[in-house]
PDB file of N, CA and C in Angstrom:
ATOM      1  N   MET A   1      -8.521  -6.169  -8.318  1.00  0.00           N
ATOM      2  CA  MET A   1      -9.727  -5.523  -8.765  1.00  0.00           C
ATOM      3  C   MET A   1      -9.814  -5.674 -10.280  1.00  0.00           C
ATOM      4  N   ALA A   2      -9.564  -4.600 -11.013  1.00  0.00           N
ATOM      5  CA  ALA A   2      -9.787  -4.697 -12.445  1.00  0.00           C
ATOM      6  C   ALA A   2      -8.802  -3.821 -13.197  1.00  0.00           C
ATOM      7  N   ASN A   3      -8.759  -4.030 -14.498  1.00  0.00           N
ATOM      8  CA  ASN A   3      -7.949  -3.201 -15.374  1.00  0.00           C
ATOM      9  C   ASN A   3      -8.682  -1.889 -15.609  1.00  0.00           C
ATOM     10  N   THR A   4      -8.001  -0.792 -15.381  1.00  0.00           N
ATOM     11  CA  THR A   4      -8.579   0.519 -15.622  1.00  0.00           C
ATOM     12  C   THR A   4      -7.719   1.251 -16.636  1.00  0.00           C
ATOM     13  N   LYS A   5      -8.110   2.461 -16.981  1.00  0.00           N
ATOM     14  CA  LYS A   5      -7.312   3.248 -17.907  1.00  0.00           C
ATOM     15  C   LYS A   5      -5.958   3.609 -17.313  1.00  0.00           C
ATOM     16  N   THR A   6      -5.884   3.628 -15.996  1.00  0.00           N
ATOM     17  CA  THR A   6      -4.653   4.022 -15.337  1.00  0.00           C
ATOM     18  C   THR A   6      -3.758   2.848 -14.962  1.00  0.00           C
ATOM     19  N   GLY A   7      -4.157   1.632 -15.206  1.00  0.00           N
ATOM     20  CA  GLY A   7      -3.330   0.483 -14.869  1.00  0.00           C
ATOM     21  C   GLY A   7      -4.120  -0.554 -14.103  1.00  0.00           C
ATOM     22  N   PHE A   8      -3.405  -1.395 -13.384  1.00  0.00           N
ATOM     23  CA  PHE A   8      -4.012  -2.468 -12.605  1.00  0.00           C
ATOM     24  C   PHE A   8      -3.914  -2.092 -11.139  1.00  0.00           C
ATOM     25  N   ARG A   9      -5.017  -2.224 -10.421  1.00  0.00           N
ATOM     26  CA  ARG A   9      -5.040  -1.720  -9.051  1.00  0.00           C
ATOM     27  C   ARG A   9      -5.437  -2.790  -8.053  1.00  0.00           C
ATOM     28  N   ALA A  10      -5.061  -2.518  -6.806  1.00  0.00           N
ATOM     29  CA  ALA A  10      -5.453  -3.347  -5.674  1.00  0.00           C
ATOM     30  C   ALA A  10      -5.553  -2.434  -4.461  1.00  0.00           C
ATOM     31  N   THR A  11      -6.491  -2.731  -3.572  1.00  0.00           N
ATOM     32  CA  THR A  11      -6.649  -1.942  -2.363  1.00  0.00           C
ATOM     33  C   THR A  11      -6.793  -2.869  -1.165  1.00  0.00           C
ATOM     34  N   SER A  12      -6.402  -2.348  -0.038  1.00  0.00           N
ATOM     35  CA  SER A  12      -6.599  -3.042   1.226  1.00  0.00           C
ATOM     36  C   SER A  12      -7.079  -1.997   2.225  1.00  0.00           C
ATOM     37  N   LYS A  13      -8.175  -2.277   2.887  1.00  0.00           N
ATOM     38  CA  LYS A  13      -8.785  -1.281   3.754  1.00  0.00           C
ATOM     39  C   LYS A  13      -8.828  -1.753   5.202  1.00  0.00           C
ATOM     40  N   TRP A  14      -8.987  -0.795   6.084  1.00  0.00           N
ATOM     41  CA  TRP A  14      -9.142  -1.008   7.518  1.00  0.00           C
ATOM     42  C   TRP A  14      -7.977  -1.792   8.125  1.00  0.00           C
ATOM     43  N   LEU A  15      -6.759  -1.410   7.754  1.00  0.00           N
ATOM     44  CA  LEU A  15      -5.568  -2.022   8.326  1.00  0.00           C
ATOM     45  C   LEU A  15      -5.210  -1.276   9.604  1.00  0.00           C
ATOM     46  N   ILE A  16      -4.952  -2.002  10.669  1.00  0.00           N
ATOM     47  CA  ILE A  16      -4.641  -1.348  11.934  1.00  0.00           C
ATOM     48  C   ILE A  16      -3.159  -0.992  11.944  1.00  0.00           C
ATOM     49  N   ALA A  17      -2.879   0.160  11.378  1.00  0.00           N
ATOM     50  CA  ALA A  17      -1.543   0.739  11.356  1.00  0.00           C
ATOM     51  C   ALA A  17      -1.715   2.230  11.124  1.00  0.00           C
ATOM     52  N   SER A  18      -0.922   3.014  11.795  1.00  0.00           N
ATOM     53  CA  SER A  18      -1.038   4.453  11.661  1.00  0.00           C
ATOM     54  C   SER A  18      -0.552   4.888  10.279  1.00  0.00           C
ATOM     55  N   PRO A  19      -1.338   5.693   9.560  1.00  0.00           N
ATOM     56  CA  PRO A  19      -0.891   6.140   8.239  1.00  0.00           C
ATOM     57  C   PRO A  19       0.363   6.999   8.318  1.00  0.00           C
ATOM     58  N   PHE A  20       0.604   7.639   9.447  1.00  0.00           N
ATOM     59  CA  PHE A  20       1.793   8.463   9.606  1.00  0.00           C
ATOM     60  C   PHE A  20       3.064   7.613   9.666  1.00  0.00           C
ATOM     61  N   LYS A  21       2.931   6.371  10.113  1.00  0.00           N
ATOM     62  CA  LYS A  21       4.082   5.464  10.155  1.00  0.00           C
ATOM     63  C   LYS A  21       4.249   4.693   8.852  1.00  0.00           C
ATOM     64  N   VAL A  22       3.174   4.527   8.079  1.00  0.00           N
ATOM     65  CA  VAL A  22       3.237   3.750   6.847  1.00  0.00           C
ATOM     66  C   VAL A  22       3.696   4.617   5.669  1.00  0.00           C
ATOM     67  N   ARG A  23       3.363   5.910   5.676  1.00  0.00           N
ATOM     68  CA  ARG A  23       3.698   6.781   4.540  1.00  0.00           C
ATOM     69  C   ARG A  23       5.193   6.898   4.248  1.00  0.00           C
ATOM     70  N   PRO A  24       6.076   7.003   5.238  1.00  0.00           N
ATOM     71  CA  PRO A  24       7.510   7.057   4.897  1.00  0.00           C
ATOM     72  C   PRO A  24       8.014   5.805   4.177  1.00  0.00           C
ATOM     73  N   VAL A  25       7.436   4.655   4.498  1.00  0.00           N
ATOM     74  CA  VAL A  25       7.807   3.416   3.803  1.00  0.00           C
ATOM     75  C   VAL A  25       7.326   3.479   2.357  1.00  0.00           C
ATOM     76  N   ALA A  26       6.115   4.003   2.149  1.00  0.00           N
ATOM     77  CA  ALA A  26       5.564   4.113   0.795  1.00  0.00           C
ATOM     78  C   ALA A  26       6.373   5.076  -0.059  1.00  0.00           C
ATOM     79  N   ASP A  27       6.926   6.113   0.563  1.00  0.00           N
ATOM     80  CA  ASP A  27       7.716   7.088  -0.188  1.00  0.00           C
ATOM     81  C   ASP A  27       8.983   6.460  -0.775  1.00  0.00           C
ATOM     82  N   LEU A  28       9.486   5.403  -0.145  1.00  0.00           N
ATOM     83  CA  LEU A  28      10.712   4.763  -0.633  1.00  0.00           C
ATOM     84  C   LEU A  28      10.500   3.945  -1.904  1.00  0.00           C
ATOM     85  N   VAL A  29       9.282   3.446  -2.126  1.00  0.00           N
ATOM     86  CA  VAL A  29       9.056   2.549  -3.258  1.00  0.00           C
ATOM     87  C   VAL A  29       8.161   3.145  -4.335  1.00  0.00           C
ATOM     88  N   ARG A  30       7.637   4.323  -4.114  1.00  0.00           N
ATOM     89  CA  ARG A  30       6.737   4.938  -5.096  1.00  0.00           C
ATOM     90  C   ARG A  30       7.501   5.239  -6.379  1.00  0.00           C
ATOM     91  N   ALA A  31       6.895   4.904  -7.538  1.00  0.00           N
ATOM     92  CA  ALA A  31       7.433   5.140  -8.888  1.00  0.00           C
ATOM     93  C   ALA A  31       8.692   4.323  -9.184  1.00  0.00           C
ATOM     94  N   LYS A  32       8.877   3.203  -8.501  1.00  0.00           N
ATOM     95  CA  LYS A  32      10.009   2.325  -8.787  1.00  0.00           C
ATOM     96  C   LYS A  32       9.540   1.092  -9.542  1.00  0.00           C
ATOM     97  N   PRO A  33      10.442   0.409 -10.227  1.00  0.00           N
ATOM     98  CA  PRO A  33      10.071  -0.863 -10.868  1.00  0.00           C
ATOM     99  C   PRO A  33       9.615  -1.884  -9.817  1.00  0.00           C
ATOM    100  N   TYR A  34       8.736  -2.776 -10.248  1.00  0.00           N
ATOM    101  CA  TYR A  34       8.113  -3.730  -9.330  1.00  0.00           C
ATOM    102  C   TYR A  34       9.148  -4.605  -8.629  1.00  0.00           C
ATOM    103  N   THR A  35      10.099  -5.147  -9.354  1.00  0.00           N
ATOM    104  CA  THR A  35      11.076  -6.056  -8.751  1.00  0.00           C
ATOM    105  C   THR A  35      11.950  -5.332  -7.727  1.00  0.00           C
ATOM    106  N   GLU A  36      12.337  -4.100  -8.036  1.00  0.00           N
ATOM    107  CA  GLU A  36      13.157  -3.321  -7.105  1.00  0.00           C
ATOM    108  C   GLU A  36      12.355  -2.949  -5.849  1.00  0.00           C
ATOM    109  N   ALA A  37      11.100  -2.583  -6.038  1.00  0.00           N
ATOM    110  CA  ALA A  37      10.249  -2.221  -4.904  1.00  0.00           C
ATOM    111  C   ALA A  37      10.025  -3.416  -3.979  1.00  0.00           C
ATOM    112  N   MET A  38       9.805  -4.584  -4.550  1.00  0.00           N
ATOM    113  CA  MET A  38       9.589  -5.773  -3.719  1.00  0.00           C
ATOM    114  C   MET A  38      10.862  -6.138  -2.951  1.00  0.00           C
ATOM    115  N   ALA A  39      12.032  -5.950  -3.575  1.00  0.00           N
ATOM    116  CA  ALA A  39      13.284  -6.230  -2.879  1.00  0.00           C
ATOM    117  C   ALA A  39      13.479  -5.280  -1.699  1.00  0.00           C
ATOM    118  N   VAL A  40      13.129  -4.017  -1.881  1.00  0.00           N
ATOM    119  CA  VAL A  40      13.248  -3.043  -0.801  1.00  0.00           C
ATOM    120  C   VAL A  40      12.279  -3.383   0.334  1.00  0.00           C
ATOM    121  N   LEU A  41      11.034  -3.702  -0.014  1.00  0.00           N
ATOM    122  CA  LEU A  41      10.022  -3.981   1.005  1.00  0.00           C
ATOM    123  C   LEU A  41      10.311  -5.260   1.784  1.00  0.00           C
ATOM    124  N   GLU A  42      10.879  -6.261   1.129  1.00  0.00           N
ATOM    125  CA  GLU A  42      11.173  -7.516   1.817  1.00  0.00           C
ATOM    126  C   GLU A  42      12.288  -7.371   2.834  1.00  0.00           C
ATOM    127  N   ASN A  43      13.174  -6.393   2.652  1.00  0.00           N
ATOM    128  CA  ASN A  43      14.312  -6.223   3.548  1.00  0.00           C
ATOM    129  C   ASN A  43      14.100  -5.139   4.598  1.00  0.00           C
ATOM    130  N   MET A  44      12.897  -4.593   4.688  1.00  0.00           N
ATOM    131  CA  MET A  44      12.611  -3.576   5.701  1.00  0.00           C
ATOM    132  C   MET A  44      11.936  -4.222   6.900  1.00  0.00           C
ATOM    133  N   PRO A  45      12.288  -3.800   8.118  1.00  0.00           N
ATOM    134  CA  PRO A  45      11.699  -4.413   9.313  1.00  0.00           C
ATOM    135  C   PRO A  45      10.367  -3.810   9.745  1.00  0.00           C
ATOM    136  N   HIS A  46       9.878  -2.790   9.056  1.00  0.00           N
ATOM    137  CA  HIS A  46       8.677  -2.086   9.480  1.00  0.00           C
ATOM    138  C   HIS A  46       7.409  -2.911   9.216  1.00  0.00           C
ATOM    139  N   LYS A  47       6.411  -2.701  10.071  1.00  0.00           N
ATOM    140  CA  LYS A  47       5.115  -3.350   9.873  1.00  0.00           C
ATOM    141  C   LYS A  47       4.468  -2.846   8.592  1.00  0.00           C
ATOM    142  N   GLY A  48       4.617  -1.553   8.308  1.00  0.00           N
ATOM    143  CA  GLY A  48       4.042  -0.969   7.102  1.00  0.00           C
ATOM    144  C   GLY A  48       4.613  -1.575   5.829  1.00  0.00           C
ATOM    145  N   ALA A  49       5.873  -2.009   5.868  1.00  0.00           N
ATOM    146  CA  ALA A  49       6.490  -2.621   4.690  1.00  0.00           C
ATOM    147  C   ALA A  49       5.794  -3.934   4.338  1.00  0.00           C
ATOM    148  N   LYS A  50       5.434  -4.701   5.351  1.00  0.00           N
ATOM    149  CA  LYS A  50       4.736  -5.967   5.113  1.00  0.00           C
ATOM    150  C   LYS A  50       3.350  -5.714   4.525  1.00  0.00           C
ATOM    151  N   LEU A  51       2.643  -4.707   5.047  1.00  0.00           N
ATOM    152  CA  LEU A  51       1.305  -4.394   4.544  1.00  0.00           C
ATOM    153  C   LEU A  51       1.356  -3.884   3.109  1.00  0.00           C
ATOM    154  N   ILE A  52       2.308  -3.011   2.813  1.00  0.00           N
ATOM    155  CA  ILE A  52       2.444  -2.474   1.453  1.00  0.00           C
ATOM    156  C   ILE A  52       2.856  -3.571   0.484  1.00  0.00           C
ATOM    157  N   ARG A  53       3.747  -4.460   0.927  1.00  0.00           N
ATOM    158  CA  ARG A  53       4.218  -5.540   0.059  1.00  0.00           C
ATOM    159  C   ARG A  53       3.055  -6.425  -0.393  1.00  0.00           C
ATOM    160  N   LYS A  54       2.119  -6.712   0.499  1.00  0.00           N
ATOM    161  CA  LYS A  54       0.969  -7.542   0.140  1.00  0.00           C
ATOM    162  C   LYS A  54       0.101  -6.860  -0.917  1.00  0.00           C
ATOM    163  N   VAL A  55      -0.128  -5.556  -0.763  1.00  0.00           N
ATOM    164  CA  VAL A  55      -0.993  -4.841  -1.705  1.00  0.00           C
ATOM    165  C   VAL A  55      -0.319  -4.711  -3.062  1.00  0.00           C
ATOM    166  N   VAL A  56       0.985  -4.411  -3.069  1.00  0.00           N
ATOM    167  CA  VAL A  56       1.712  -4.290  -4.338  1.00  0.00           C
ATOM    168  C   VAL A  56       1.756  -5.636  -5.058  1.00  0.00           C
ATOM    169  N   ALA A  57       1.962  -6.711  -4.318  1.00  0.00           N
ATOM    170  CA  ALA A  57       1.975  -8.043  -4.927  1.00  0.00           C
ATOM    171  C   ALA A  57       0.605  -8.396  -5.501  1.00  0.00           C
ATOM    172  N   SER A  58      -0.460  -7.981  -4.832  1.00  0.00           N
ATOM    173  CA  SER A  58      -1.807  -8.244  -5.339  1.00  0.00           C
ATOM    174  C   SER A  58      -2.072  -7.477  -6.627  1.00  0.00           C
ATOM    175  N   ALA A  59      -1.641  -6.214  -6.686  1.00  0.00           N
ATOM    176  CA  ALA A  59      -1.821  -5.423  -7.905  1.00  0.00           C
ATOM    177  C   ALA A  59      -1.023  -6.016  -9.061  1.00  0.00           C
ATOM    178  N   ALA A  60       0.189  -6.478  -8.773  1.00  0.00           N
ATOM    179  CA  ALA A  60       1.002  -7.096  -9.823  1.00  0.00           C
ATOM    180  C   ALA A  60       0.378  -8.413 -10.286  1.00  0.00           C
ATOM    181  N   ALA A  61      -0.193  -9.180  -9.358  1.00  0.00           N
ATOM    182  CA  ALA A  61      -0.859 -10.424  -9.743  1.00  0.00           C
ATOM    183  C   ALA A  61      -2.065 -10.136 -10.620  1.00  0.00           C
ATOM    184  N   ASN A  62      -2.791  -9.042 -10.325  1.00  0.00           N
ATOM    185  CA  ASN A  62      -3.902  -8.651 -11.186  1.00  0.00           C
ATOM    186  C   ASN A  62      -3.410  -8.337 -12.593  1.00  0.00           C
ATOM    187  N   ALA A  63      -2.278  -7.662 -12.691  1.00  0.00           N
ATOM    188  CA  ALA A  63      -1.736  -7.305 -14.001  1.00  0.00           C
ATOM    189  C   ALA A  63      -1.272  -8.546 -14.761  1.00  0.00           C
ATOM    190  N   LEU A  64      -0.605  -9.468 -14.065  1.00  0.00           N
ATOM    191  CA  LEU A  64      -0.068 -10.647 -14.733  1.00  0.00           C
ATOM    192  C   LEU A  64      -1.169 -11.615 -15.145  1.00  0.00           C
ATOM    193  N   ASN A  65      -2.245 -11.698 -14.386  1.00  0.00           N
ATOM    194  CA  ASN A  65      -3.323 -12.620 -14.722  1.00  0.00           C
ATOM    195  C   ASN A  65      -4.250 -12.070 -15.797  1.00  0.00           C
ATOM    196  N   LYS A  66      -4.449 -10.773 -15.822  1.00  0.00           N
ATOM    197  CA  LYS A  66      -5.341 -10.182 -16.825  1.00  0.00           C
ATOM    198  C   LYS A  66      -4.669 -10.089 -18.194  1.00  0.00           C
ATOM    199  N   ASN A  67      -3.389  -9.745 -18.178  1.00  0.00           N
ATOM    200  CA  ASN A  67      -2.664  -9.552 -19.433  1.00  0.00           C
ATOM    201  C   ASN A  67      -1.485 -10.519 -19.442  1.00  0.00           C
ATOM    202  N   ARG A  68      -1.607 -11.585 -20.162  1.00  0.00           N
ATOM    203  CA  ARG A  68      -0.602 -12.652 -20.131  1.00  0.00           C
ATOM    204  C   ARG A  68       0.708 -12.273 -20.820  1.00  0.00           C
ATOM    205  N   LYS A  69       0.751 -11.153 -21.524  1.00  0.00           N
ATOM    206  CA  LYS A  69       1.973 -10.738 -22.211  1.00  0.00           C
ATOM    207  C   LYS A  69       2.945 -10.019 -21.282  1.00  0.00           C
ATOM    208  N   LEU A  70       2.475  -9.555 -20.127  1.00  0.00           N
ATOM    209  CA  LEU A  70       3.323  -8.807 -19.210  1.00  0.00           C
ATOM    210  C   LEU A  70       4.138  -9.744 -18.334  1.00  0.00           C
ATOM    211  N   GLY A  71       5.325  -9.279 -17.954  1.00  0.00           N
ATOM    212  CA  GLY A  71       6.159  -9.979 -16.994  1.00  0.00           C
ATOM    213  C   GLY A  71       6.409  -9.077 -15.808  1.00  0.00           C
ATOM    214  N   GLU A  72       6.947  -9.645 -14.725  1.00  0.00           N
ATOM    215  CA  GLU A  72       7.197  -8.848 -13.528  1.00  0.00           C
ATOM    216  C   GLU A  72       8.179  -7.721 -13.784  1.00  0.00           C
ATOM    217  N   ASP A  73       9.152  -7.947 -14.659  1.00  0.00           N
ATOM    218  CA  ASP A  73      10.151  -6.915 -14.934  1.00  0.00           C
ATOM    219  C   ASP A  73       9.613  -5.779 -15.800  1.00  0.00           C
ATOM    220  N   MET A  74       8.400  -5.909 -16.315  1.00  0.00           N
ATOM    221  CA  MET A  74       7.804  -4.881 -17.160  1.00  0.00           C
ATOM    222  C   MET A  74       6.872  -3.952 -16.379  1.00  0.00           C
ATOM    223  N   LEU A  75       6.734  -4.163 -15.063  1.00  0.00           N
ATOM    224  CA  LEU A  75       5.791  -3.386 -14.259  1.00  0.00           C
ATOM    225  C   LEU A  75       6.515  -2.370 -13.387  1.00  0.00           C
ATOM    226  N   TYR A  76       5.822  -1.277 -13.077  1.00  0.00           N
ATOM    227  CA  TYR A  76       6.317  -0.316 -12.102  1.00  0.00           C
ATOM    228  C   TYR A  76       5.145   0.197 -11.277  1.00  0.00           C
ATOM    229  N   ILE A  77       5.448   0.754 -10.123  1.00  0.00           N
ATOM    230  CA  ILE A  77       4.409   1.260  -9.234  1.00  0.00           C
ATOM    231  C   ILE A  77       4.056   2.670  -9.677  1.00  0.00           C
ATOM    232  N   LYS A  78       2.887   2.803 -10.268  1.00  0.00           N
ATOM    233  CA  LYS A  78       2.453   4.091 -10.795  1.00  0.00           C
ATOM    234  C   LYS A  78       1.896   4.980  -9.699  1.00  0.00           C
ATOM    235  N   GLU A  79       1.117   4.395  -8.802  1.00  0.00           N
ATOM    236  CA  GLU A  79       0.499   5.174  -7.732  1.00  0.00           C
ATOM    237  C   GLU A  79       0.442   4.318  -6.477  1.00  0.00           C
ATOM    238  N   LEU A  80       0.779   4.926  -5.354  1.00  0.00           N
ATOM    239  CA  LEU A  80       0.722   4.238  -4.068  1.00  0.00           C
ATOM    240  C   LEU A  80       0.209   5.239  -3.042  1.00  0.00           C
ATOM    241  N   ARG A  81      -1.030   5.026  -2.604  1.00  0.00           N
ATOM    242  CA  ARG A  81      -1.670   5.973  -1.691  1.00  0.00           C
ATOM    243  C   ARG A  81      -1.901   5.319  -0.342  1.00  0.00           C
ATOM    244  N   ILE A  82      -1.609   6.092   0.713  1.00  0.00           N
ATOM    245  CA  ILE A  82      -1.894   5.664   2.071  1.00  0.00           C
ATOM    246  C   ILE A  82      -2.894   6.662   2.633  1.00  0.00           C
ATOM    247  N   ASP A  83      -4.149   6.265   2.728  1.00  0.00           N
ATOM    248  CA  ASP A  83      -5.201   7.145   3.207  1.00  0.00           C
ATOM    249  C   ASP A  83      -5.531   6.806   4.657  1.00  0.00           C
ATOM    250  N   GLU A  84      -6.031   7.796   5.354  1.00  0.00           N
ATOM    251  CA  GLU A  84      -6.404   7.598   6.743  1.00  0.00           C
ATOM    252  C   GLU A  84      -7.782   6.954   6.821  1.00  0.00           C
ATOM    253  N   GLY A  85      -7.910   5.974   7.676  1.00  0.00           N
ATOM    254  CA  GLY A  85      -9.189   5.305   7.882  1.00  0.00           C
ATOM    255  C   GLY A  85      -9.820   5.780   9.185  1.00  0.00           C
ATOM    256  N   PRO A  86     -10.860   5.109   9.620  1.00  0.00           N
ATOM    257  CA  PRO A  86     -11.489   5.487  10.888  1.00  0.00           C
ATOM    258  C   PRO A  86     -10.583   5.163  12.069  1.00  0.00           C
ATOM    259  N   ARG A  87     -10.884   5.756  13.186  1.00  0.00           N
ATOM    260  CA  ARG A  87     -10.106   5.517  14.395  1.00  0.00           C
ATOM    261  C   ARG A  87     -10.965   4.774  15.407  1.00  0.00           C
ATOM    262  N   MET A  88     -10.386   3.748  16.007  1.00  0.00           N
ATOM    263  CA  MET A  88     -11.066   3.063  17.094  1.00  0.00           C
ATOM    264  C   MET A  88     -10.702   3.790  18.385  1.00  0.00           C
ATOM    265  N   LYS A  89     -11.690   4.173  19.148  1.00  0.00           N
ATOM    266  CA  LYS A  89     -11.443   4.882  20.396  1.00  0.00           C
ATOM    267  C   LYS A  89     -11.642   3.919  21.558  1.00  0.00           C
ATOM    268  N   ARG A  90     -10.628   3.805  22.370  1.00  0.00           N
ATOM    269  CA  ARG A  90     -10.660   2.910  23.518  1.00  0.00           C
ATOM    270  C   ARG A  90     -10.325   3.708  24.774  1.00  0.00           C
ATOM    271  N   ILE A  91     -10.877   3.281  25.900  1.00  0.00           N
ATOM    272  CA  ILE A  91     -10.587   3.941  27.169  1.00  0.00           C
ATOM    273  C   ILE A  91      -9.372   3.281  27.792  1.00  0.00           C
ATOM    274  N   TRP A  92      -8.444   4.116  28.236  1.00  0.00           N
ATOM    275  CA  TRP A  92      -7.213   3.654  28.849  1.00  0.00           C
ATOM    276  C   TRP A  92      -7.241   4.115  30.303  1.00  0.00           C
ATOM    277  N   PHE A  93      -7.410   3.208  31.230  1.00  0.00           N
ATOM    278  CA  PHE A  93      -7.564   3.556  32.634  1.00  0.00           C
ATOM    279  C   PHE A  93      -6.228   3.981  33.218  1.00  0.00           C
ATOM    280  N   ARG A  94      -6.281   5.072  33.986  1.00  0.00           N
ATOM    281  CA  ARG A  94      -5.080   5.652  34.580  1.00  0.00           C
ATOM    282  C   ARG A  94      -5.210   5.673  36.104  1.00  0.00           C
ATOM    283  N   ALA A  95      -4.249   6.257  36.741  1.00  0.00           N
ATOM    284  CA  ALA A  95      -4.222   6.296  38.200  1.00  0.00           C
ATOM    285  C   ALA A  95      -5.278   7.260  38.748  1.00  0.00           C
ATOM    286  N   ARG A  96      -5.648   7.039  39.990  1.00  0.00           N
ATOM    287  CA  ARG A  96      -6.548   7.909  40.750  1.00  0.00           C
ATOM    288  C   ARG A  96      -7.901   8.088  40.072  1.00  0.00           C
ATOM    289  N   GLY A  97      -8.411   7.042  39.428  1.00  0.00           N
ATOM    290  CA  GLY A  97      -9.756   7.057  38.870  1.00  0.00           C
ATOM    291  C   GLY A  97      -9.892   7.831  37.569  1.00  0.00           C
ATOM    292  N   ARG A  98      -8.815   8.165  36.948  1.00  0.00           N
ATOM    293  CA  ARG A  98      -8.871   8.925  35.700  1.00  0.00           C
ATOM    294  C   ARG A  98      -8.791   7.973  34.507  1.00  0.00           C
ATOM    295  N   ALA A  99      -9.064   8.535  33.340  1.00  0.00           N
ATOM    296  CA  ALA A  99      -8.999   7.730  32.115  1.00  0.00           C
ATOM    297  C   ALA A  99      -8.500   8.596  30.967  1.00  0.00           C
ATOM    298  N   ASP A 100      -7.786   7.980  30.072  1.00  0.00           N
ATOM    299  CA  ASP A 100      -7.341   8.639  28.841  1.00  0.00           C
ATOM    300  C   ASP A 100      -7.998   7.956  27.659  1.00  0.00           C
ATOM    301  N   MET A 101      -8.013   8.650  26.525  1.00  0.00           N
ATOM    302  CA  MET A 101      -8.556   8.076  25.294  1.00  0.00           C
ATOM    303  C   MET A 101      -7.396   7.530  24.471  1.00  0.00           C
ATOM    304  N   GLN A 102      -7.485   6.266  24.134  1.00  0.00           N
ATOM    305  CA  GLN A 102      -6.485   5.641  23.273  1.00  0.00           C
ATOM    306  C   GLN A 102      -7.065   5.545  21.873  1.00  0.00           C
ATOM    307  N   LEU A 103      -6.348   6.057  20.881  1.00  0.00           N
ATOM    308  CA  LEU A 103      -6.800   6.020  19.491  1.00  0.00           C
ATOM    309  C   LEU A 103      -6.037   4.935  18.748  1.00  0.00           C
ATOM    310  N   ARG A 104      -6.754   3.981  18.173  1.00  0.00           N
ATOM    311  CA  ARG A 104      -6.137   2.963  17.323  1.00  0.00           C
ATOM    312  C   ARG A 104      -6.389   3.405  15.891  1.00  0.00           C
ATOM    313  N   ARG A 105      -5.377   3.934  15.248  1.00  0.00           N
ATOM    314  CA  ARG A 105      -5.541   4.483  13.910  1.00  0.00           C
ATOM    315  C   ARG A 105      -5.517   3.371  12.862  1.00  0.00           C
ATOM    316  N   MET A 106      -6.297   3.575  11.799  1.00  0.00           N
ATOM    317  CA  MET A 106      -6.350   2.630  10.678  1.00  0.00           C
ATOM    318  C   MET A 106      -5.965   3.346   9.395  1.00  0.00           C
ATOM    319  N   CYS A 107      -5.565   2.570   8.404  1.00  0.00           N
ATOM    320  CA  CYS A 107      -5.221   3.160   7.116  1.00  0.00           C
ATOM    321  C   CYS A 107      -5.767   2.290   5.984  1.00  0.00           C
ATOM    322  N   HIS A 108      -5.928   2.936   4.844  1.00  0.00           N
ATOM    323  CA  HIS A 108      -6.316   2.267   3.604  1.00  0.00           C
ATOM    324  C   HIS A 108      -5.144   2.405   2.635  1.00  0.00           C
ATOM    325  N   ILE A 109      -4.733   1.302   2.020  1.00  0.00           N
ATOM    326  CA  ILE A 109      -3.615   1.316   1.072  1.00  0.00           C
ATOM    327  C   ILE A 109      -4.156   1.006  -0.313  1.00  0.00           C
ATOM    328  N   SER A 110      -3.861   1.885  -1.278  1.00  0.00           N
ATOM    329  CA  SER A 110      -4.261   1.696  -2.677  1.00  0.00           C
ATOM    330  C   SER A 110      -3.009   1.713  -3.537  1.00  0.00           C
ATOM    331  N   CYS A 111      -2.915   0.749  -4.438  1.00  0.00           N
ATOM    332  CA  CYS A 111      -1.747   0.645  -5.311  1.00  0.00           C
ATOM    333  C   CYS A 111      -2.202   0.467  -6.748  1.00  0.00           C
ATOM    334  N   VAL A 112      -1.510   1.152  -7.664  1.00  0.00           N
ATOM    335  CA  VAL A 112      -1.748   0.996  -9.097  1.00  0.00           C
ATOM    336  C   VAL A 112      -0.406   0.676  -9.739  1.00  0.00           C
ATOM    337  N   VAL A 113      -0.332  -0.434 -10.448  1.00  0.00           N
ATOM    338  CA  VAL A 113       0.870  -0.777 -11.209  1.00  0.00           C
ATOM    339  C   VAL A 113       0.532  -0.679 -12.693  1.00  0.00           C
ATOM    340  N   ASP A 114       1.535  -0.323 -13.481  1.00  0.00           N
ATOM    341  CA  ASP A 114       1.335  -0.171 -14.909  1.00  0.00           C
ATOM    342  C   ASP A 114       2.587  -0.642 -15.632  1.00  0.00           C
ATOM    343  N   GLU A 115       2.477  -0.727 -16.923  1.00  0.00           N
ATOM    344  CA  GLU A 115       3.582  -1.202 -17.763  1.00  0.00           C
ATOM    345  C   GLU A 115       4.616  -0.101 -17.945  1.00  0.00           C
ATOM    346  N   ILE A 116       5.890  -0.461 -17.867  1.00  0.00           N
ATOM    347  CA  ILE A 116       6.963   0.515 -18.087  1.00  0.00           C
ATOM    348  C   ILE A 116       6.974   0.932 -19.552  1.00  0.00           C
ATOM    349  N   GLY A 117       7.096   2.229 -19.781  1.00  0.00           N
ATOM    350  CA  GLY A 117       7.179   2.748 -21.150  1.00  0.00           C
ATOM    351  C   GLY A 117       5.857   2.893 -21.848  1.00  0.00           C
ATOM    352  N   LYS A 118       4.760   2.627 -21.170  1.00  0.00           N
ATOM    353  CA  LYS A 118       3.440   2.756 -21.791  1.00  0.00           C
ATOM    354  C   LYS A 118       3.093   4.229 -21.912  1.00  0.00           C
ATOM    355  N   LYS A 119       2.573   4.609 -23.053  1.00  0.00           N
ATOM    356  CA  LYS A 119       2.174   5.990 -23.290  1.00  0.00           C
ATOM    357  C   LYS A 119       0.924   6.302 -22.464  1.00  0.00           C
ATOM    358  N   THR A 120       0.946   7.415 -21.744  1.00  0.00           N
ATOM    359  CA  THR A 120      -0.233   7.819 -20.986  1.00  0.00           C
ATOM    360  C   THR A 120      -1.038   8.805 -21.801  1.00  0.00           C
ATOM    361  N   GLU A 121      -2.345   8.629 -21.763  1.00  0.00           N
ATOM    362  CA  GLU A 121      -3.236   9.511 -22.512  1.00  0.00           C
ATOM    363  C   GLU A 121      -3.557  10.720 -21.644  1.00  0.00           C
ATOM    364  N   ALA A 122      -3.358  11.920 -22.209  1.00  0.00           N
ATOM    365  CA  ALA A 122      -3.616  13.130 -21.428  1.00  0.00           C
ATOM    366  C   ALA A 122      -4.754  13.911 -22.020  1.00  0.00           C
TER     367      ALA A 122
END
């Protein structure tokens, strides 16, 4: 996206993954340096780790392309949000003519990376 006062951001929306399953993965890498967070995400077997890794890499690419003085080792994950998206409702046919509702949950992932040691304006 763009450079903001809070850092460099990237978002990914309408991902078919339950936010309840993705949030514990996000808790492991929040507020960590970029290189350490990517190493953790690459070695996790969860589906949410792959989705978060793509968004964090996109935010870091935004930072590196906009500001040529920054390096990967100078970035950290300032904010990582997993928001709930809409739910797809599907009918799940059961025995004896009955049906259940199947919910396919979606999530939105937002990431902000910023420079380590940068003074924040309050």
